[in-house]
Amino acid sequence: MSSLSPRGRTGHLFESRENPPQHYLIAHSDGGARGNPGPAGYGVVLRDESGHKVAALSEYLGRQTNNFAEYQGLIAALEYAIEHGPKALRVISDSELLVRQIKGVYKVKNAALKDLHARAKDLIAQLEWFSIGHALREHNQEADRLANEAMDKGMGRR
């Protein structure tokens, strides 16, 4: 997993091999849509660097795409870190597209995602330290459960 330093000499994000600071949050984030587009939601589980759960976030997003929901989960995690601190965040996502777009490996071509990508980058710039990495779905089960519960609730199933 690589780290991104929010501010390089040029003001752009760049990859680094920095170790995390002493205090940071770990966010397992997931988003989904049934039908793509369809009823969508995200789930985020935030833990401190010791692994203690500090927050669980989820939201029904209405009719959206899976990628839209993935970005909304990332944005929710970023906003939480900025508002509650510490301003250091490691994100684990099972969306390879999201991770590679945030790292700059993939370009953002979808118009709807461009705004969300820009919002996420603006939030990342407000952090002192940021890292994002990809995990297989089986390593992101709690966030996946929260995203599915949000979709169920929004669809009137709970």
N, C-alpha and C. Protein backbone atom coordinates (compact mmCIF):
# COMPACT_ATOMS: atom_id res chain seq x y z
N MET A 1 0.85 -1.16 0.00
CA MET A 1 0.00 0.00 0.00
C MET A 1 0.90 1.23 0.00
N SER A 2 0.63 2.16 -0.86
CA SER A 2 1.45 3.36 -0.90
C SER A 2 0.76 4.50 -0.17
N SER A 3 1.55 5.47 0.17
CA SER A 3 1.02 6.65 0.86
C SER A 3 1.06 7.82 -0.10
N LEU A 4 0.17 8.73 0.10
CA LEU A 4 0.17 9.96 -0.68
C LEU A 4 0.39 11.10 0.28
N SER A 5 1.35 11.92 0.01
CA SER A 5 1.54 13.10 0.83
C SER A 5 0.65 14.18 0.26
N PRO A 6 -0.22 14.77 1.08
CA PRO A 6 -1.16 15.73 0.54
C PRO A 6 -0.53 16.93 -0.15
N ARG A 7 0.63 17.33 0.26
CA ARG A 7 1.23 18.51 -0.36
C ARG A 7 2.70 18.27 -0.70
N GLY A 8 2.97 18.17 -1.98
CA GLY A 8 4.35 18.09 -2.43
C GLY A 8 4.85 19.49 -2.74
N ARG A 9 6.07 19.59 -3.24
CA ARG A 9 6.64 20.91 -3.56
C ARG A 9 5.79 21.67 -4.56
N THR A 10 5.16 20.94 -5.49
CA THR A 10 4.36 21.59 -6.52
C THR A 10 2.90 21.74 -6.11
N GLY A 11 2.57 21.24 -4.93
CA GLY A 11 1.19 21.32 -4.48
C GLY A 11 0.34 20.16 -4.98
N HIS A 12 0.95 19.24 -5.75
CA HIS A 12 0.22 18.09 -6.25
C HIS A 12 0.45 16.89 -5.35
N LEU A 13 -0.48 15.95 -5.41
CA LEU A 13 -0.32 14.72 -4.64
C LEU A 13 0.80 13.90 -5.27
N PHE A 14 1.57 13.27 -4.45
CA PHE A 14 2.58 12.37 -4.98
C PHE A 14 2.70 11.16 -4.06
N GLU A 15 3.17 10.06 -4.63
CA GLU A 15 3.32 8.86 -3.84
C GLU A 15 4.60 8.94 -3.03
N SER A 16 4.54 8.45 -1.82
CA SER A 16 5.73 8.41 -0.99
C SER A 16 5.75 7.10 -0.24
N ARG A 17 6.83 6.82 0.41
CA ARG A 17 6.96 5.61 1.21
C ARG A 17 6.97 5.95 2.69
N GLU A 18 6.40 7.11 3.02
CA GLU A 18 6.38 7.55 4.42
C GLU A 18 5.62 6.58 5.30
N ASN A 19 6.08 6.43 6.50
CA ASN A 19 5.35 5.67 7.49
C ASN A 19 4.22 6.54 8.00
N PRO A 20 3.15 5.91 8.48
CA PRO A 20 2.06 6.72 9.01
C PRO A 20 2.50 7.46 10.27
N PRO A 21 1.83 8.56 10.59
CA PRO A 21 2.14 9.28 11.82
C PRO A 21 1.74 8.43 13.03
N GLN A 22 2.03 8.92 14.20
CA GLN A 22 1.72 8.17 15.42
C GLN A 22 0.21 7.92 15.56
N HIS A 23 -0.58 8.93 15.24
CA HIS A 23 -2.04 8.81 15.36
C HIS A 23 -2.68 9.02 13.99
N TYR A 24 -3.49 8.06 13.59
CA TYR A 24 -4.20 8.15 12.32
C TYR A 24 -5.44 7.27 12.38
N LEU A 25 -6.33 7.49 11.44
CA LEU A 25 -7.55 6.69 11.32
C LEU A 25 -7.41 5.74 10.14
N ILE A 26 -8.07 4.61 10.25
CA ILE A 26 -8.15 3.64 9.16
C ILE A 26 -9.62 3.53 8.79
N ALA A 27 -9.92 3.79 7.53
CA ALA A 27 -11.31 3.72 7.05
C ALA A 27 -11.44 2.58 6.05
N HIS A 28 -12.30 1.62 6.38
CA HIS A 28 -12.70 0.60 5.41
C HIS A 28 -13.97 1.14 4.77
N SER A 29 -13.92 1.33 3.46
CA SER A 29 -15.01 2.00 2.76
C SER A 29 -15.54 1.11 1.65
N ASP A 30 -16.86 1.15 1.46
CA ASP A 30 -17.48 0.40 0.38
C ASP A 30 -18.73 1.13 -0.08
N GLY A 31 -19.01 1.00 -1.35
CA GLY A 31 -20.23 1.55 -1.92
C GLY A 31 -20.80 0.55 -2.89
N GLY A 32 -22.09 0.60 -3.08
CA GLY A 32 -22.71 -0.33 -4.00
C GLY A 32 -24.01 0.21 -4.56
N ALA A 33 -24.43 -0.42 -5.65
CA ALA A 33 -25.71 -0.08 -6.28
C ALA A 33 -26.32 -1.37 -6.80
N ARG A 34 -27.59 -1.50 -6.62
CA ARG A 34 -28.31 -2.67 -7.12
C ARG A 34 -28.94 -2.30 -8.47
N GLY A 35 -28.30 -2.77 -9.53
CA GLY A 35 -28.79 -2.46 -10.87
C GLY A 35 -27.80 -1.61 -11.65
N ASN A 36 -27.06 -0.79 -11.01
CA ASN A 36 -25.96 0.03 -11.55
C ASN A 36 -26.30 0.73 -12.87
N PRO A 37 -27.10 1.81 -12.89
CA PRO A 37 -27.54 2.49 -11.67
C PRO A 37 -28.77 1.81 -11.07
N GLY A 38 -28.89 2.07 -9.79
CA GLY A 38 -30.00 1.53 -9.04
C GLY A 38 -29.92 2.05 -7.62
N PRO A 39 -30.71 1.49 -6.73
CA PRO A 39 -30.64 1.92 -5.33
C PRO A 39 -29.20 1.75 -4.83
N ALA A 40 -28.64 2.84 -4.28
CA ALA A 40 -27.21 2.84 -3.93
C ALA A 40 -27.00 3.29 -2.49
N GLY A 41 -25.88 2.88 -1.95
CA GLY A 41 -25.51 3.30 -0.60
C GLY A 41 -24.04 3.04 -0.35
N TYR A 42 -23.55 3.62 0.73
CA TYR A 42 -22.16 3.36 1.11
C TYR A 42 -22.09 2.99 2.58
N GLY A 43 -20.99 2.38 2.95
CA GLY A 43 -20.70 2.06 4.34
C GLY A 43 -19.23 2.30 4.61
N VAL A 44 -18.93 2.87 5.76
CA VAL A 44 -17.55 3.16 6.16
C VAL A 44 -17.38 2.79 7.62
N VAL A 45 -16.34 2.05 7.92
CA VAL A 45 -15.98 1.74 9.30
C VAL A 45 -14.64 2.41 9.57
N LEU A 46 -14.61 3.27 10.59
CA LEU A 46 -13.38 3.97 10.95
C LEU A 46 -12.84 3.42 12.27
N ARG A 47 -11.56 3.16 12.26
CA ARG A 47 -10.86 2.67 13.45
C ARG A 47 -9.65 3.55 13.68
N ASP A 48 -9.17 3.58 14.95
CA ASP A 48 -7.92 4.29 15.21
C ASP A 48 -6.77 3.36 14.87
N GLU A 49 -5.56 3.87 15.02
CA GLU A 49 -4.37 3.11 14.64
C GLU A 49 -4.21 1.82 15.45
N SER A 50 -4.89 1.72 16.59
CA SER A 50 -4.84 0.51 17.42
C SER A 50 -5.91 -0.50 17.04
N GLY A 51 -6.80 -0.12 16.13
CA GLY A 51 -7.85 -1.02 15.69
C GLY A 51 -9.17 -0.86 16.42
N HIS A 52 -9.28 0.12 17.30
CA HIS A 52 -10.54 0.36 18.02
C HIS A 52 -11.51 1.14 17.13
N LYS A 53 -12.74 0.63 17.02
CA LYS A 53 -13.74 1.29 16.18
C LYS A 53 -14.09 2.64 16.78
N VAL A 54 -14.05 3.69 15.95
CA VAL A 54 -14.42 5.03 16.40
C VAL A 54 -15.71 5.52 15.74
N ALA A 55 -16.06 4.95 14.59
CA ALA A 55 -17.29 5.39 13.92
C ALA A 55 -17.70 4.38 12.86
N ALA A 56 -18.99 4.34 12.59
CA ALA A 56 -19.56 3.58 11.48
C ALA A 56 -20.51 4.52 10.76
N LEU A 57 -20.28 4.71 9.49
CA LEU A 57 -21.07 5.65 8.68
C LEU A 57 -21.75 4.89 7.56
N SER A 58 -22.97 5.26 7.24
CA SER A 58 -23.63 4.69 6.08
C SER A 58 -24.73 5.65 5.64
N GLU A 59 -25.06 5.56 4.36
CA GLU A 59 -26.11 6.44 3.84
C GLU A 59 -26.70 5.84 2.57
N TYR A 60 -28.00 5.94 2.46
CA TYR A 60 -28.70 5.59 1.22
C TYR A 60 -28.58 6.78 0.29
N LEU A 61 -28.24 6.53 -0.97
CA LEU A 61 -27.96 7.62 -1.92
C LEU A 61 -29.00 7.75 -3.03
N GLY A 62 -30.09 6.99 -2.96
CA GLY A 62 -31.06 7.03 -4.04
C GLY A 62 -30.56 6.23 -5.23
N ARG A 63 -31.03 6.57 -6.40
CA ARG A 63 -30.64 5.86 -7.63
C ARG A 63 -29.32 6.44 -8.13
N GLN A 64 -28.27 5.66 -8.00
CA GLN A 64 -26.93 6.08 -8.42
C GLN A 64 -26.17 4.87 -8.95
N THR A 65 -24.94 5.12 -9.40
CA THR A 65 -24.07 4.03 -9.85
C THR A 65 -23.20 3.53 -8.69
N ASN A 66 -22.66 2.36 -8.89
CA ASN A 66 -21.74 1.78 -7.92
C ASN A 66 -20.55 2.71 -7.68
N ASN A 67 -19.97 3.25 -8.74
CA ASN A 67 -18.79 4.11 -8.59
C ASN A 67 -19.13 5.41 -7.87
N PHE A 68 -20.31 5.95 -8.12
CA PHE A 68 -20.76 7.13 -7.38
C PHE A 68 -20.80 6.81 -5.89
N ALA A 69 -21.35 5.65 -5.54
CA ALA A 69 -21.45 5.25 -4.14
C ALA A 69 -20.07 5.04 -3.52
N GLU A 70 -19.14 4.47 -4.27
CA GLU A 70 -17.77 4.28 -3.77
C GLU A 70 -17.15 5.64 -3.42
N TYR A 71 -17.31 6.61 -4.30
CA TYR A 71 -16.75 7.95 -4.05
C TYR A 71 -17.42 8.61 -2.85
N GLN A 72 -18.72 8.42 -2.70
CA GLN A 72 -19.41 9.03 -1.56
C GLN A 72 -18.90 8.44 -0.24
N GLY A 73 -18.58 7.15 -0.24
CA GLY A 73 -17.99 6.54 0.95
C GLY A 73 -16.63 7.13 1.27
N LEU A 74 -15.80 7.31 0.25
CA LEU A 74 -14.49 7.93 0.45
C LEU A 74 -14.64 9.34 1.00
N ILE A 75 -15.54 10.11 0.41
CA ILE A 75 -15.75 11.50 0.85
C ILE A 75 -16.24 11.54 2.30
N ALA A 76 -17.13 10.63 2.66
CA ALA A 76 -17.60 10.58 4.05
C ALA A 76 -16.45 10.30 5.01
N ALA A 77 -15.56 9.39 4.64
CA ALA A 77 -14.40 9.07 5.49
C ALA A 77 -13.47 10.27 5.61
N LEU A 78 -13.22 10.95 4.50
CA LEU A 78 -12.36 12.13 4.51
C LEU A 78 -12.95 13.24 5.38
N GLU A 79 -14.24 13.49 5.22
CA GLU A 79 -14.90 14.53 6.02
C GLU A 79 -14.84 14.19 7.50
N TYR A 80 -15.01 12.92 7.84
CA TYR A 80 -14.95 12.52 9.24
C TYR A 80 -13.55 12.81 9.80
N ALA A 81 -12.52 12.43 9.07
CA ALA A 81 -11.14 12.65 9.55
C ALA A 81 -10.85 14.14 9.73
N ILE A 82 -11.34 14.96 8.82
CA ILE A 82 -11.10 16.40 8.91
C ILE A 82 -11.85 17.00 10.10
N GLU A 83 -13.09 16.57 10.32
CA GLU A 83 -13.91 17.14 11.39
C GLU A 83 -13.54 16.63 12.78
N HIS A 84 -13.13 15.36 12.86
CA HIS A 84 -12.91 14.75 14.17
C HIS A 84 -11.45 14.49 14.51
N GLY A 85 -10.57 14.50 13.50
CA GLY A 85 -9.16 14.26 13.73
C GLY A 85 -8.87 12.83 14.15
N PRO A 86 -7.64 12.41 14.14
CA PRO A 86 -6.51 13.19 13.64
C PRO A 86 -6.62 13.36 12.11
N LYS A 87 -5.97 14.38 11.61
CA LYS A 87 -6.05 14.67 10.17
C LYS A 87 -5.06 13.80 9.41
N ALA A 88 -5.16 12.52 9.68
CA ALA A 88 -4.33 11.51 9.02
C ALA A 88 -5.21 10.29 8.80
N LEU A 89 -5.25 9.80 7.54
CA LEU A 89 -6.22 8.77 7.19
C LEU A 89 -5.63 7.76 6.22
N ARG A 90 -5.84 6.49 6.54
CA ARG A 90 -5.54 5.39 5.62
C ARG A 90 -6.88 4.82 5.19
N VAL A 91 -7.12 4.79 3.89
CA VAL A 91 -8.37 4.27 3.35
C VAL A 91 -8.12 2.90 2.72
N ILE A 92 -9.00 1.96 3.02
CA ILE A 92 -8.98 0.64 2.41
C ILE A 92 -10.30 0.51 1.65
N SER A 93 -10.22 0.28 0.35
CA SER A 93 -11.41 0.17 -0.48
C SER A 93 -11.32 -1.07 -1.35
N ASP A 94 -12.47 -1.69 -1.65
CA ASP A 94 -12.45 -2.81 -2.57
C ASP A 94 -12.72 -2.36 -4.01
N SER A 95 -12.73 -1.05 -4.23
CA SER A 95 -12.91 -0.50 -5.58
C SER A 95 -11.54 -0.17 -6.18
N GLU A 96 -11.09 -1.04 -7.05
CA GLU A 96 -9.81 -0.81 -7.71
C GLU A 96 -9.85 0.47 -8.54
N LEU A 97 -10.98 0.73 -9.18
CA LEU A 97 -11.13 1.95 -9.98
C LEU A 97 -10.92 3.19 -9.11
N LEU A 98 -11.63 3.25 -8.00
CA LEU A 98 -11.51 4.41 -7.10
C LEU A 98 -10.07 4.59 -6.64
N VAL A 99 -9.44 3.54 -6.17
CA VAL A 99 -8.07 3.63 -5.66
C VAL A 99 -7.13 4.12 -6.75
N ARG A 100 -7.26 3.56 -7.94
CA ARG A 100 -6.34 3.96 -9.03
C ARG A 100 -6.63 5.37 -9.53
N GLN A 101 -7.88 5.80 -9.48
CA GLN A 101 -8.18 7.18 -9.87
C GLN A 101 -7.62 8.16 -8.85
N ILE A 102 -7.75 7.87 -7.56
CA ILE A 102 -7.23 8.77 -6.53
C ILE A 102 -5.70 8.83 -6.61
N LYS A 103 -5.06 7.71 -6.90
CA LYS A 103 -3.60 7.68 -7.02
C LYS A 103 -3.10 8.31 -8.32
N GLY A 104 -4.02 8.56 -9.26
CA GLY A 104 -3.63 9.14 -10.54
C GLY A 104 -3.18 8.12 -11.57
N VAL A 105 -3.38 6.85 -11.30
CA VAL A 105 -3.02 5.79 -12.25
C VAL A 105 -4.03 5.77 -13.40
N TYR A 106 -5.32 5.93 -13.07
CA TYR A 106 -6.38 6.00 -14.08
C TYR A 106 -6.91 7.42 -14.13
N LYS A 107 -7.24 7.86 -15.34
CA LYS A 107 -7.91 9.15 -15.50
C LYS A 107 -9.39 8.99 -15.18
N VAL A 108 -10.00 10.08 -14.74
CA VAL A 108 -11.43 10.08 -14.47
C VAL A 108 -12.12 10.58 -15.74
N LYS A 109 -12.81 9.70 -16.43
CA LYS A 109 -13.45 10.05 -17.69
C LYS A 109 -14.93 10.36 -17.53
N ASN A 110 -15.56 9.74 -16.54
CA ASN A 110 -16.99 9.91 -16.32
C ASN A 110 -17.27 11.29 -15.74
N ALA A 111 -18.16 12.04 -16.39
CA ALA A 111 -18.44 13.42 -15.97
C ALA A 111 -18.96 13.48 -14.53
N ALA A 112 -19.84 12.55 -14.16
CA ALA A 112 -20.40 12.57 -12.81
C ALA A 112 -19.32 12.31 -11.77
N LEU A 113 -18.35 11.48 -12.10
CA LEU A 113 -17.29 11.17 -11.15
C LEU A 113 -16.23 12.26 -11.07
N LYS A 114 -16.10 13.08 -12.10
CA LYS A 114 -15.09 14.15 -12.08
C LYS A 114 -15.29 15.09 -10.91
N ASP A 115 -16.53 15.47 -10.65
CA ASP A 115 -16.82 16.37 -9.52
C ASP A 115 -16.51 15.70 -8.19
N LEU A 116 -16.88 14.43 -8.07
CA LEU A 116 -16.62 13.70 -6.83
C LEU A 116 -15.12 13.51 -6.62
N HIS A 117 -14.41 13.23 -7.70
CA HIS A 117 -12.96 13.07 -7.63
C HIS A 117 -12.31 14.38 -7.19
N ALA A 118 -12.75 15.49 -7.77
CA ALA A 118 -12.21 16.80 -7.38
C ALA A 118 -12.50 17.10 -5.92
N ARG A 119 -13.70 16.79 -5.46
CA ARG A 119 -14.06 17.00 -4.05
C ARG A 119 -13.17 16.15 -3.14
N ALA A 120 -12.96 14.90 -3.50
CA ALA A 120 -12.09 14.02 -2.70
C ALA A 120 -10.67 14.56 -2.66
N LYS A 121 -10.15 15.02 -3.77
CA LYS A 121 -8.78 15.56 -3.81
C LYS A 121 -8.68 16.82 -2.95
N ASP A 122 -9.70 17.66 -2.98
CA ASP A 122 -9.71 18.86 -2.14
C ASP A 122 -9.68 18.48 -0.65
N LEU A 123 -10.43 17.47 -0.29
CA LEU A 123 -10.46 17.02 1.10
C LEU A 123 -9.11 16.39 1.49
N ILE A 124 -8.54 15.60 0.60
CA ILE A 124 -7.24 14.98 0.87
C ILE A 124 -6.19 16.06 1.14
N ALA A 125 -6.27 17.16 0.40
CA ALA A 125 -5.31 18.26 0.58
C ALA A 125 -5.41 18.90 1.96
N GLN A 126 -6.53 18.71 2.65
CA GLN A 126 -6.71 19.28 3.99
C GLN A 126 -6.14 18.36 5.08
N LEU A 127 -5.73 17.17 4.70
CA LEU A 127 -5.15 16.23 5.66
C LEU A 127 -3.64 16.43 5.76
N GLU A 128 -3.09 16.01 6.88
CA GLU A 128 -1.64 16.06 7.05
C GLU A 128 -0.97 14.82 6.47
N TRP A 129 -1.72 13.71 6.41
CA TRP A 129 -1.20 12.45 5.87
C TRP A 129 -2.35 11.66 5.31
N PHE A 130 -2.14 10.98 4.18
CA PHE A 130 -3.18 10.19 3.54
C PHE A 130 -2.56 9.00 2.82
N SER A 131 -3.26 7.88 2.91
CA SER A 131 -2.86 6.67 2.21
C SER A 131 -4.12 5.98 1.73
N ILE A 132 -4.06 5.37 0.56
CA ILE A 132 -5.21 4.61 0.06
C ILE A 132 -4.70 3.32 -0.56
N GLY A 133 -5.45 2.26 -0.33
CA GLY A 133 -5.06 0.97 -0.88
C GLY A 133 -6.28 0.13 -1.20
N HIS A 134 -6.06 -0.85 -2.05
CA HIS A 134 -7.11 -1.75 -2.49
C HIS A 134 -7.08 -3.03 -1.66
N ALA A 135 -8.25 -3.51 -1.31
CA ALA A 135 -8.39 -4.80 -0.62
C ALA A 135 -9.48 -5.59 -1.32
N LEU A 136 -9.35 -6.89 -1.31
CA LEU A 136 -10.39 -7.72 -1.87
C LEU A 136 -11.65 -7.61 -1.00
N ARG A 137 -12.77 -7.84 -1.63
CA ARG A 137 -14.07 -7.68 -0.95
C ARG A 137 -14.14 -8.43 0.36
N GLU A 138 -13.55 -9.62 0.44
CA GLU A 138 -13.64 -10.41 1.68
C GLU A 138 -12.89 -9.76 2.84
N HIS A 139 -12.04 -8.78 2.54
CA HIS A 139 -11.32 -8.06 3.60
C HIS A 139 -12.01 -6.74 3.94
N ASN A 140 -13.20 -6.55 3.40
CA ASN A 140 -13.93 -5.29 3.59
C ASN A 140 -15.38 -5.58 3.97
N GLN A 141 -15.60 -6.67 4.70
CA GLN A 141 -16.95 -7.17 4.94
C GLN A 141 -17.82 -6.24 5.78
N GLU A 142 -17.26 -5.61 6.80
CA GLU A 142 -18.08 -4.76 7.66
C GLU A 142 -18.60 -3.53 6.90
N ALA A 143 -17.74 -2.92 6.08
CA ALA A 143 -18.17 -1.78 5.28
C ALA A 143 -19.20 -2.22 4.25
N ASP A 144 -19.00 -3.40 3.65
CA ASP A 144 -19.95 -3.95 2.69
C ASP A 144 -21.31 -4.17 3.36
N ARG A 145 -21.32 -4.70 4.57
CA ARG A 145 -22.56 -4.92 5.30
C ARG A 145 -23.30 -3.60 5.53
N LEU A 146 -22.55 -2.55 5.95
CA LEU A 146 -23.17 -1.24 6.18
C LEU A 146 -23.76 -0.66 4.89
N ALA A 147 -23.03 -0.81 3.78
CA ALA A 147 -23.54 -0.31 2.50
C ALA A 147 -24.83 -1.04 2.12
N ASN A 148 -24.87 -2.34 2.31
CA ASN A 148 -26.07 -3.12 1.99
C ASN A 148 -27.23 -2.78 2.91
N GLU A 149 -26.94 -2.53 4.19
CA GLU A 149 -28.00 -2.11 5.12
C GLU A 149 -28.58 -0.77 4.71
N ALA A 150 -27.71 0.15 4.25
CA ALA A 150 -28.20 1.46 3.79
C ALA A 150 -29.11 1.29 2.57
N MET A 151 -28.71 0.41 1.64
CA MET A 151 -29.55 0.18 0.46
C MET A 151 -30.87 -0.46 0.87
N ASP A 152 -30.82 -1.45 1.77
CA ASP A 152 -32.06 -2.09 2.23
C ASP A 152 -33.00 -1.08 2.87
N LYS A 153 -32.45 -0.24 3.74
CA LYS A 153 -33.26 0.75 4.43
C LYS A 153 -33.90 1.72 3.43
N GLY A 154 -33.11 2.18 2.46
CA GLY A 154 -33.62 3.11 1.46
C GLY A 154 -34.67 2.50 0.56
N MET A 155 -34.60 1.18 0.40
CA MET A 155 -35.57 0.48 -0.44
C MET A 155 -36.77 0.00 0.38
N GLY A 156 -36.82 0.36 1.67
CA GLY A 156 -37.94 0.00 2.52
C GLY A 156 -37.92 -1.43 3.01
N ARG A 157 -36.75 -2.04 2.99
CA ARG A 157 -36.63 -3.44 3.44
C ARG A 157 -36.31 -3.55 4.92
N ARG A 158 -36.06 -2.46 5.59
CA ARG A 158 -35.76 -2.50 7.04
C ARG A 158 -36.45 -1.38 7.73
